C-alpha atoms as a PDB file:
ATOM      1  CA  UNK A   1     -61.139  42.999  23.997  1.00  0.00           C
ATOM      2  CA  UNK A   2     -63.614  44.776  17.407  1.00  0.00           C
ATOM      3  CA  UNK A   3     -63.070  44.922  17.326  1.00  0.00           C
ATOM      4  CA  UNK A   4     -62.161  45.352  17.186  1.00  0.00           C
ATOM      5  CA  UNK A   5     -62.319  45.181  22.054  1.00  0.00           C
ATOM      6  CA  UNK A   6     -67.184  48.428  20.230  1.00  0.00           C
ATOM      7  CA  UNK A   7     -70.151  47.652  19.151  1.00  0.00           C
ATOM      8  CA  UNK A   8     -64.970  45.984  18.165  1.00  0.00           C
ATOM      9  CA  UNK A   9     -63.780  43.871  20.518  1.00  0.00           C
ATOM     10  CA  UNK A  10     -63.127  38.742  22.681  1.00  0.00           C
ATOM     11  CA  UNK A  11     -65.981  35.160  23.433  1.00  0.00           C
ATOM     12  CA  UNK A  12     -68.554  33.480  21.350  1.00  0.00           C
ATOM     13  CA  UNK A  13     -69.437  36.487  19.219  1.00  0.00           C
ATOM     14  CA  UNK A  14     -66.601  38.671  19.984  1.00  0.00           C
ATOM     15  CA  UNK A  15     -68.097  41.155  22.332  1.00  0.00           C
ATOM     16  CA  UNK A  16     -70.099  43.472  20.157  1.00  0.00           C
ATOM     17  CA  UNK A  17     -73.601  44.726  20.570  1.00  0.00           C
ATOM     18  CA  UNK A  18     -75.630  42.795  18.071  1.00  0.00           C
ATOM     19  CA  UNK A  19     -78.653  45.045  17.742  1.00  0.00           C
ATOM     20  CA  UNK A  20     -78.641  44.409  14.000  1.00  0.00           C
ATOM     21  CA  UNK A  21     -78.027  40.888  12.828  1.00  0.00           C
ATOM     22  CA  UNK A  22     -76.357  40.363   9.451  1.00  0.00           C
ATOM     23  CA  UNK A  23     -78.544  38.720   6.879  1.00  0.00           C
ATOM     24  CA  UNK A  24     -77.612  35.186   5.984  1.00  0.00           C
ATOM     25  CA  UNK A  25     -76.256  34.911   2.502  1.00  0.00           C
ATOM     26  CA  UNK A  26     -78.362  32.927   0.110  1.00  0.00           C
ATOM     27  CA  UNK A  27     -77.741  29.196   0.140  1.00  0.00           C
ATOM     28  CA  UNK A  28     -74.767  28.655  -2.167  1.00  0.00           C
ATOM     29  CA  UNK A  29     -74.518  25.955  -4.758  1.00  0.00           C
ATOM     30  CA  UNK A  30     -72.035  24.140  -2.568  1.00  0.00           C
ATOM     31  CA  UNK A  31     -71.105  21.325  -4.896  1.00  0.00           C
ATOM     32  CA  UNK A  32     -70.174  23.633  -7.769  1.00  0.00           C
ATOM     33  CA  UNK A  33     -68.410  26.024  -5.400  1.00  0.00           C
ATOM     34  CA  UNK A  34     -66.232  23.205  -4.083  1.00  0.00           C
ATOM     35  CA  UNK A  35     -64.973  22.481  -7.582  1.00  0.00           C
ATOM     36  CA  UNK A  36     -63.193  25.832  -7.686  1.00  0.00           C
ATOM     37  CA  UNK A  37     -60.405  26.623  -5.233  1.00  0.00           C
ATOM     38  CA  UNK A  38     -61.231  30.358  -4.902  1.00  0.00           C
ATOM     39  CA  UNK A  39     -64.968  29.687  -4.688  1.00  0.00           C
ATOM     40  CA  UNK A  40     -64.506  26.954  -2.098  1.00  0.00           C
ATOM     41  CA  UNK A  41     -62.399  29.270   0.047  1.00  0.00           C
ATOM     42  CA  UNK A  42     -65.083  31.926  -0.290  1.00  0.00           C
ATOM     43  CA  UNK A  43     -67.713  29.364   0.746  1.00  0.00           C
ATOM     44  CA  UNK A  44     -65.748  28.733   3.950  1.00  0.00           C
ATOM     45  CA  UNK A  45     -65.598  32.478   4.602  1.00  0.00           C
ATOM     46  CA  UNK A  46     -69.371  32.706   4.167  1.00  0.00           C
ATOM     47  CA  UNK A  47     -69.895  29.874   6.641  1.00  0.00           C
ATOM     48  CA  UNK A  48     -67.884  31.748   9.244  1.00  0.00           C
ATOM     49  CA  UNK A  49     -69.691  35.019   8.537  1.00  0.00           C
ATOM     50  CA  UNK A  50     -72.938  33.168   9.284  1.00  0.00           C
ATOM     51  CA  UNK A  51     -71.502  31.699  12.497  1.00  0.00           C
ATOM     52  CA  UNK A  52     -71.255  28.135  11.162  1.00  0.00           C
ATOM     53  CA  UNK A  53     -67.774  27.591  12.589  1.00  0.00           C
ATOM     54  CA  UNK A  54     -68.003  23.837  13.050  1.00  0.00           C
ATOM     55  CA  UNK A  55     -69.179  23.418   9.465  1.00  0.00           C
ATOM     56  CA  UNK A  56     -66.296  25.603   8.344  1.00  0.00           C
ATOM     57  CA  UNK A  57     -63.842  23.373  10.228  1.00  0.00           C
ATOM     58  CA  UNK A  58     -65.133  20.321   8.392  1.00  0.00           C
ATOM     59  CA  UNK A  59     -64.822  22.080   5.054  1.00  0.00           C
ATOM     60  CA  UNK A  60     -61.371  23.393   5.914  1.00  0.00           C
ATOM     61  CA  UNK A  61     -60.184  19.801   6.253  1.00  0.00           C
ATOM     62  CA  UNK A  62     -61.863  18.872   2.972  1.00  0.00           C
ATOM     63  CA  UNK A  63     -60.290  21.886   1.260  1.00  0.00           C
ATOM     64  CA  UNK A  64     -56.862  20.955   2.614  1.00  0.00           C
ATOM     65  CA  UNK A  65     -57.141  17.419   1.249  1.00  0.00           C
ATOM     66  CA  UNK A  66     -58.122  18.709  -2.162  1.00  0.00           C
ATOM     67  CA  UNK A  67     -56.110  21.902  -2.601  1.00  0.00           C
ATOM     68  CA  UNK A  68     -53.424  22.034   0.086  1.00  0.00           C
ATOM     69  CA  UNK A  69     -53.079  24.469   2.965  1.00  0.00           C
ATOM     70  CA  UNK A  70     -52.477  28.127   2.040  1.00  0.00           C
ATOM     71  CA  UNK A  71     -51.896  30.531   4.955  1.00  0.00           C
ATOM     72  CA  UNK A  72     -55.380  31.998   4.688  1.00  0.00           C
ATOM     73  CA  UNK A  73     -56.897  28.562   5.221  1.00  0.00           C
ATOM     74  CA  UNK A  74     -54.887  28.162   8.418  1.00  0.00           C
ATOM     75  CA  UNK A  75     -56.024  31.589   9.549  1.00  0.00           C
ATOM     76  CA  UNK A  76     -59.668  30.671   8.904  1.00  0.00           C
ATOM     77  CA  UNK A  77     -59.088  27.478  10.862  1.00  0.00           C
ATOM     78  CA  UNK A  78     -57.571  29.432  13.753  1.00  0.00           C
ATOM     79  CA  UNK A  79     -60.549  31.807  13.764  1.00  0.00           C
ATOM     80  CA  UNK A  80     -62.970  28.865  13.823  1.00  0.00           C
ATOM     81  CA  UNK A  81     -61.047  27.163  16.620  1.00  0.00           C
ATOM     82  CA  UNK A  82     -61.095  30.355  18.654  1.00  0.00           C
ATOM     83  CA  UNK A  83     -64.816  30.816  18.097  1.00  0.00           C
ATOM     84  CA  UNK A  84     -65.531  27.230  19.155  1.00  0.00           C
ATOM     85  CA  UNK A  85     -63.514  27.526  22.354  1.00  0.00           C
ATOM     86  CA  UNK A  86     -60.455  25.550  21.232  1.00  0.00           C
ATOM     87  CA  UNK A  87     -58.142  28.275  22.432  1.00  0.00           C
ATOM     88  CA  UNK A  88     -54.814  26.450  22.734  1.00  0.00           C
ATOM     89  CA  UNK A  89     -55.087  25.067  19.209  1.00  0.00           C
ATOM     90  CA  UNK A  90     -56.074  28.491  17.889  1.00  0.00           C
ATOM     91  CA  UNK A  91     -53.117  30.180  19.583  1.00  0.00           C
ATOM     92  CA  UNK A  92     -50.714  27.667  18.090  1.00  0.00           C
ATOM     93  CA  UNK A  93     -52.049  28.245  14.582  1.00  0.00           C
ATOM     94  CA  UNK A  94     -51.946  32.020  14.992  1.00  0.00           C
ATOM     95  CA  UNK A  95     -48.348  31.804  16.212  1.00  0.00           C
ATOM     96  CA  UNK A  96     -47.424  29.745  13.152  1.00  0.00           C
ATOM     97  CA  UNK A  97     -48.861  32.492  10.920  1.00  0.00           C
ATOM     98  CA  UNK A  98     -46.885  35.400  12.364  1.00  0.00           C
ATOM     99  CA  UNK A  99     -44.300  35.200   9.577  1.00  0.00           C
ATOM    100  CA  UNK A 100     -46.759  34.807   6.702  1.00  0.00           C
ATOM    101  CA  UNK A 101     -48.982  37.178   4.750  1.00  0.00           C
ATOM    102  CA  UNK A 102     -51.632  36.505   7.411  1.00  0.00           C
ATOM    103  CA  UNK A 103     -49.519  38.002  10.202  1.00  0.00           C
ATOM    104  CA  UNK A 104     -51.808  40.971  10.817  1.00  0.00           C
ATOM    105  CA  UNK A 105     -54.852  38.735  11.165  1.00  0.00           C
ATOM    106  CA  UNK A 106     -52.865  36.391  13.401  1.00  0.00           C
ATOM    107  CA  UNK A 107     -51.872  39.203  15.758  1.00  0.00           C
ATOM    108  CA  UNK A 108     -55.485  40.315  15.777  1.00  0.00           C
ATOM    109  CA  UNK A 109     -56.659  36.824  16.708  1.00  0.00           C
ATOM    110  CA  UNK A 110     -54.103  36.592  19.492  1.00  0.00           C
ATOM    111  CA  UNK A 111     -55.242  39.979  20.749  1.00  0.00           C
ATOM    112  CA  UNK A 112     -58.853  38.867  20.857  1.00  0.00           C
ATOM    113  CA  UNK A 113     -57.907  35.756  22.798  1.00  0.00           C
ATOM    114  CA  UNK A 114     -55.909  37.816  25.289  1.00  0.00           C
ATOM    115  CA  UNK A 115     -58.789  40.256  25.679  1.00  0.00           C
ATOM    116  CA  UNK A 116     -61.247  37.417  26.298  1.00  0.00           C
ATOM    117  CA  UNK A 117     -58.909  36.109  28.996  1.00  0.00           C
ATOM    118  CA  UNK A 118     -58.656  39.599  30.519  1.00  0.00           C
ATOM    119  CA  UNK A 119     -54.936  39.753  29.783  1.00  0.00           C
ATOM    120  CA  UNK A 120     -55.052  43.431  28.990  1.00  0.00           C
ATOM    121  CA  UNK A 121     -51.392  44.166  28.388  1.00  0.00           C
ATOM    122  CA  UNK A 122     -51.057  41.200  26.023  1.00  0.00           C
ATOM    123  CA  UNK A 123     -54.243  42.269  24.240  1.00  0.00           C
ATOM    124  CA  UNK A 124     -52.934  45.814  23.834  1.00  0.00           C
ATOM    125  CA  UNK A 125     -49.621  44.590  22.452  1.00  0.00           C
ATOM    126  CA  UNK A 126     -51.132  42.118  19.991  1.00  0.00           C
ATOM    127  CA  UNK A 127     -53.873  44.442  18.738  1.00  0.00           C
ATOM    128  CA  UNK A 128     -51.379  47.291  18.368  1.00  0.00           C
ATOM    129  CA  UNK A 129     -49.186  44.990  16.303  1.00  0.00           C
ATOM    130  CA  UNK A 130     -52.136  44.108  14.080  1.00  0.00           C
ATOM    131  CA  UNK A 131     -52.878  47.803  13.503  1.00  0.00           C
ATOM    132  CA  UNK A 132     -49.210  48.467  12.816  1.00  0.00           C
ATOM    133  CA  UNK A 133     -49.233  45.820  10.099  1.00  0.00           C
ATOM    134  CA  UNK A 134     -52.541  46.955   8.572  1.00  0.00           C
ATOM    135  CA  UNK A 135     -53.125  50.611   9.532  1.00  0.00           C
ATOM    136  CA  UNK A 136     -56.365  51.008   7.570  1.00  0.00           C
ATOM    137  CA  UNK A 137     -58.137  47.883   8.806  1.00  0.00           C
ATOM    138  CA  UNK A 138     -61.288  49.197  10.462  1.00  0.00           C
ATOM    139  CA  UNK A 139     -61.826  46.034  12.499  1.00  0.00           C
ATOM    140  CA  UNK A 140     -58.323  46.136  13.958  1.00  0.00           C
ATOM    141  CA  UNK A 141     -58.609  49.834  14.793  1.00  0.00           C
ATOM    142  CA  UNK A 142     -62.011  49.374  16.385  1.00  0.00           C
ATOM    143  CA  UNK A 143     -60.926  46.434  18.496  1.00  0.00           C
ATOM    144  CA  UNK A 144     -57.797  48.230  19.678  1.00  0.00           C
ATOM    145  CA  UNK A 145     -59.808  51.306  20.612  1.00  0.00           C
ATOM    146  CA  UNK A 146     -62.466  49.308  22.384  1.00  0.00           C
ATOM    147  CA  UNK A 147     -59.884  47.324  24.331  1.00  0.00           C
ATOM    148  CA  UNK A 148     -58.458  50.620  25.545  1.00  0.00           C
ATOM    149  CA  UNK A 149     -61.904  51.781  26.626  1.00  0.00           C
ATOM    150  CA  UNK A 150     -62.368  48.578  28.589  1.00  0.00           C
ATOM    151  CA  UNK A 151     -59.001  49.185  30.200  1.00  0.00           C
ATOM    152  CA  UNK A 152     -59.970  52.699  31.239  1.00  0.00           C
ATOM    153  CA  UNK A 153     -57.527  54.287  28.781  1.00  0.00           C
ATOM    154  CA  UNK A 154     -60.058  56.774  27.447  1.00  0.00           C
ATOM    155  CA  UNK A 155     -57.601  59.259  25.950  1.00  0.00           C
ATOM    156  CA  UNK A 156     -55.551  56.596  24.178  1.00  0.00           C
ATOM    157  CA  UNK A 157     -58.702  55.004  22.759  1.00  0.00           C
ATOM    158  CA  UNK A 158     -59.709  58.091  20.795  1.00  0.00           C
ATOM    159  CA  UNK A 159     -57.215  57.908  17.936  1.00  0.00           C
ATOM    160  CA  UNK A 160     -57.928  54.362  16.701  1.00  0.00           C
ATOM    161  CA  UNK A 161     -61.674  54.830  17.123  1.00  0.00           C
ATOM    162  CA  UNK A 162     -61.649  58.144  15.254  1.00  0.00           C
ATOM    163  CA  UNK A 163     -59.591  56.612  12.457  1.00  0.00           C
ATOM    164  CA  UNK A 164     -62.019  53.714  12.127  1.00  0.00           C
ATOM    165  CA  UNK A 165     -65.034  56.038  12.010  1.00  0.00           C
ATOM    166  CA  UNK A 166     -63.477  58.277   9.359  1.00  0.00           C
ATOM    167  CA  UNK A 167     -62.236  55.357   7.271  1.00  0.00           C
ATOM    168  CA  UNK A 168     -65.694  53.747   7.318  1.00  0.00           C
ATOM    169  CA  UNK A 169     -68.301  56.470   7.931  1.00  0.00           C
ATOM    170  CA  UNK A 170     -71.141  54.077   7.056  1.00  0.00           C
ATOM    171  CA  UNK A 171     -69.942  51.354   9.419  1.00  0.00           C
ATOM    172  CA  UNK A 172     -72.373  51.171  12.337  1.00  0.00           C
ATOM    173  CA  UNK A 173     -69.868  49.474  14.615  1.00  0.00           C
ATOM    174  CA  UNK A 174     -67.190  52.064  13.971  1.00  0.00           C
ATOM    175  CA  UNK A 175     -69.590  54.942  14.612  1.00  0.00           C
ATOM    176  CA  UNK A 176     -71.004  53.264  17.708  1.00  0.00           C
ATOM    177  CA  UNK A 177     -67.534  52.742  19.155  1.00  0.00           C
ATOM    178  CA  UNK A 178     -66.730  56.408  18.658  1.00  0.00           C
ATOM    179  CA  UNK A 179     -70.028  57.431  20.255  1.00  0.00           C
ATOM    180  CA  UNK A 180     -69.175  55.229  23.228  1.00  0.00           C
ATOM    181  CA  UNK A 181     -65.860  57.061  23.553  1.00  0.00           C
ATOM    182  CA  UNK A 182     -67.703  60.410  23.481  1.00  0.00           C
ATOM    183  CA  UNK A 183     -69.990  59.294  26.297  1.00  0.00           C
ATOM    184  CA  UNK A 184     -67.088  58.066  28.410  1.00  0.00           C
ATOM    185  CA  UNK A 185     -65.384  61.391  27.706  1.00  0.00           C
ATOM    186  CA  UNK A 186     -68.508  63.169  29.031  1.00  0.00           C
ATOM    187  CA  UNK A 187     -69.222  64.780  25.648  1.00  0.00           C
ATOM    188  CA  UNK A 188     -72.920  63.964  25.626  1.00  0.00           C
ATOM    189  CA  UNK A 189     -73.984  66.597  23.099  1.00  0.00           C
ATOM    190  CA  UNK A 190     -71.442  65.412  20.554  1.00  0.00           C
ATOM    191  CA  UNK A 191     -72.432  61.790  21.153  1.00  0.00           C
ATOM    192  CA  UNK A 192     -76.103  62.572  20.587  1.00  0.00           C
ATOM    193  CA  UNK A 193     -75.307  64.515  17.415  1.00  0.00           C
ATOM    194  CA  UNK A 194     -73.187  61.651  16.079  1.00  0.00           C
ATOM    195  CA  UNK A 195     -75.959  59.129  16.716  1.00  0.00           C
ATOM    196  CA  UNK A 196     -78.464  61.363  14.950  1.00  0.00           C
ATOM    197  CA  UNK A 197     -76.192  61.808  11.924  1.00  0.00           C
ATOM    198  CA  UNK A 198     -75.706  58.047  11.731  1.00  0.00           C
ATOM    199  CA  UNK A 199     -79.457  57.442  12.123  1.00  0.00           C
ATOM    200  CA  UNK A 200     -78.790  54.815  14.766  1.00  0.00           C
ATOM    201  CA  UNK A 201     -81.979  53.049  15.846  1.00  0.00           C
ATOM    202  CA  UNK A 202     -83.317  53.677  19.327  1.00  0.00           C
ATOM    203  CA  UNK A 203     -82.358  50.197  20.513  1.00  0.00           C
ATOM    204  CA  UNK A 204     -78.759  50.734  19.426  1.00  0.00           C
ATOM    205  CA  UNK A 205     -78.587  54.100  21.199  1.00  0.00           C
ATOM    206  CA  UNK A 206     -79.904  52.532  24.390  1.00  0.00           C
ATOM    207  CA  UNK A 207     -77.319  49.750  24.186  1.00  0.00           C
ATOM    208  CA  UNK A 208     -74.493  52.238  23.740  1.00  0.00           C
ATOM    209  CA  UNK A 209     -75.653  54.280  26.748  1.00  0.00           C
ATOM    210  CA  UNK A 210     -76.015  51.115  28.821  1.00  0.00           C
ATOM    211  CA  UNK A 211     -72.539  49.977  27.853  1.00  0.00           C
ATOM    212  CA  UNK A 212     -71.069  53.361  28.771  1.00  0.00           C
ATOM    213  CA  UNK A 213     -72.632  53.111  32.234  1.00  0.00           C
ATOM    214  CA  UNK A 214     -71.352  49.550  32.650  1.00  0.00           C
ATOM    215  CA  UNK A 215     -67.817  50.563  31.725  1.00  0.00           C
ATOM    216  CA  UNK A 216     -67.897  53.544  34.080  1.00  0.00           C
ATOM    217  CA  UNK A 217     -69.177  51.425  36.960  1.00  0.00           C
ATOM    218  CA  UNK A 218     -66.626  48.704  36.284  1.00  0.00           C
ATOM    219  CA  UNK A 219     -63.810  51.236  36.349  1.00  0.00           C
ATOM    220  CA  UNK A 220     -65.062  52.752  39.613  1.00  0.00           C
ATOM    221  CA  UNK A 221     -65.159  49.318  41.224  1.00  0.00           C
ATOM    222  CA  UNK A 222     -61.840  48.104  39.873  1.00  0.00           C
ATOM    223  CA  UNK A 223     -59.776  51.211  40.477  1.00  0.00           C
ATOM    224  CA  UNK A 224     -59.870  51.053  44.306  1.00  0.00           C
ATOM    225  CA  UNK A 225     -59.155  47.326  44.130  1.00  0.00           C
ATOM    226  CA  UNK A 226     -56.148  47.881  41.903  1.00  0.00           C
ATOM    227  CA  UNK A 227     -54.842  50.623  44.195  1.00  0.00           C
ATOM    228  CA  UNK A 228     -55.212  48.350  47.216  1.00  0.00           C
ATOM    229  CA  UNK A 229     -53.060  45.763  45.503  1.00  0.00           C
ATOM    230  CA  UNK A 230     -50.230  48.187  44.784  1.00  0.00           C
ATOM    231  CA  UNK A 231     -47.077  47.623  46.851  1.00  0.00           C
ATOM    232  CA  UNK A 232     -46.172  50.368  49.276  1.00  0.00           C
ATOM    233  CA  UNK A 233     -43.699  52.793  47.759  1.00  0.00           C
ATOM    234  CA  UNK A 234     -41.679  52.489  50.932  1.00  0.00           C
ATOM    235  CA  UNK A 235     -41.342  48.753  50.514  1.00  0.00           C
ATOM    236  CA  UNK A 236     -37.864  47.770  49.291  1.00  0.00           C
ATOM    237  CA  UNK A 237     -37.983  46.519  45.745  1.00  0.00           C
ATOM    238  CA  UNK A 238     -41.506  47.782  45.157  1.00  0.00           C
ATOM    239  CA  UNK A 239     -42.258  48.742  41.584  1.00  0.00           C
ATOM    240  CA  UNK A 240     -45.015  50.723  39.949  1.00  0.00           C
ATOM    241  CA  UNK A 241     -47.961  48.655  38.887  1.00  0.00           C
ATOM    242  CA  UNK A 242     -48.379  47.812  35.231  1.00  0.00           C
ATOM    243  CA  UNK A 243     -51.281  49.161  33.229  1.00  0.00           C
ATOM    244  CA  UNK A 244     -52.649  45.632  33.189  1.00  0.00           C
ATOM    245  CA  UNK A 245     -53.159  45.597  36.944  1.00  0.00           C
ATOM    246  CA  UNK A 246     -55.452  48.615  36.658  1.00  0.00           C
ATOM    247  CA  UNK A 247     -57.347  47.635  33.532  1.00  0.00           C
ATOM    248  CA  UNK A 248     -61.009  46.974  33.962  1.00  0.00           C
ATOM    249  CA  UNK A 249     -63.521  44.805  32.203  1.00  0.00           C
ATOM    250  CA  UNK A 250     -67.159  45.603  31.502  1.00  0.00           C
ATOM    251  CA  UNK A 251     -69.694  43.313  33.149  1.00  0.00           C
ATOM    252  CA  UNK A 252     -71.553  40.862  30.993  1.00  0.00           C
ATOM    253  CA  UNK A 253     -74.885  42.232  29.906  1.00  0.00           C
ATOM    254  CA  UNK A 254     -77.794  39.898  30.452  1.00  0.00           C
ATOM    255  CA  UNK A 255     -79.682  41.357  27.505  1.00  0.00           C
ATOM    256  CA  UNK A 256     -78.973  42.290  23.959  1.00  0.00           C
ATOM    257  CA  UNK A 257     -76.733  39.316  23.301  1.00  0.00           C
ATOM    258  CA  UNK A 258     -73.578  41.113  24.384  1.00  0.00           C
ATOM    259  CA  UNK A 259     -70.779  38.585  24.900  1.00  0.00           C
ATOM    260  CA  UNK A 260     -68.351  38.815  27.793  1.00  0.00           C
ATOM    261  CA  UNK A 261     -65.631  40.168  25.594  1.00  0.00           C
ATOM    262  CA  UNK A 262     -66.295  43.007  23.235  1.00  0.00           C
ATOM    263  CA  UNK A 263     -63.444  42.186  21.101  1.00  0.00           C
ATOM    264  CA  UNK A 264     -64.672  39.401  18.931  1.00  0.00           C
ATOM    265  CA  UNK A 265     -65.612  40.412  15.514  1.00  0.00           C
ATOM    266  CA  UNK A 266     -64.424  38.572  12.486  1.00  0.00           C
ATOM    267  CA  UNK A 267     -65.348  38.822   8.949  1.00  0.00           C
ATOM    268  CA  UNK A 268     -65.619  42.462   8.044  1.00  0.00           C
ATOM    269  CA  UNK A 269     -68.452  41.862   5.633  1.00  0.00           C
ATOM    270  CA  UNK A 270     -70.638  40.261   8.270  1.00  0.00           C
ATOM    271  CA  UNK A 271     -69.845  42.723  11.023  1.00  0.00           C
ATOM    272  CA  UNK A 272     -70.381  46.075   9.404  1.00  0.00           C
ATOM    273  CA  UNK A 273     -73.915  46.180  10.766  1.00  0.00           C
ATOM    274  CA  UNK A 274     -72.922  45.225  14.312  1.00  0.00           C
ATOM    275  CA  UNK A 275     -72.092  47.556  17.096  1.00  0.00           C
ATOM    276  CA  UNK A 276     -69.286  46.427  19.199  1.00  0.00           C
ATOM    277  CA  UNK A 277     -69.027  46.975  22.685  1.00  0.00           C
END
């Protein structure tokens, strides 16, 4: 639903609290960069880190005409398609990458799409697969943990969020996600201590507290609804409800630029200063 779904997760910016915006990289010498295959690919990455997804799509086509289509280029294209709302095309590209060296990123992308569409079981499965393929990827861990928080799976969310925070102790998003877990686990003293150690700005702390309240309220509202939809145990053929039927989604914040889905992150270098919700 981070994000890898805190501050990791899925929507136009992935669903993280953007209290700190990444600085735009200096304007590259684009013509010279395009004359080198590695530099041109890096230029496309920079465009996406800055949010210029349509520009990256144009350059992806130009790159393909000049240098061919390595798997990473297709993955960058899938990310750009997802970010620009071309979901079906993105899903097809991700599916085509599941047997390449970009498989982990492809599973991650599919998980973000599922989270954005509130398909919680599919999001859990895809994000878990991404983590399985790349166990030390902080973005994947954060997004998996955040998706579990959104789904009300507080206990299960702890491990991936703790791993992300310990793997990247300077990563604001990873720390913020773990603090969010602490708040939802009613460990307010530990959450406050963690925010102080990380020197999180006041605005970021307020956003994390607000998000925790939103998630708690969403779960309180959704849980009775989910129970009402359960079939009677006395009904022939009735089965237990899936986790997906009881998963909850946080409401969309009207401030702070928080997207509907917390799980959209992408480009580790541009997201390390973002908090995902």
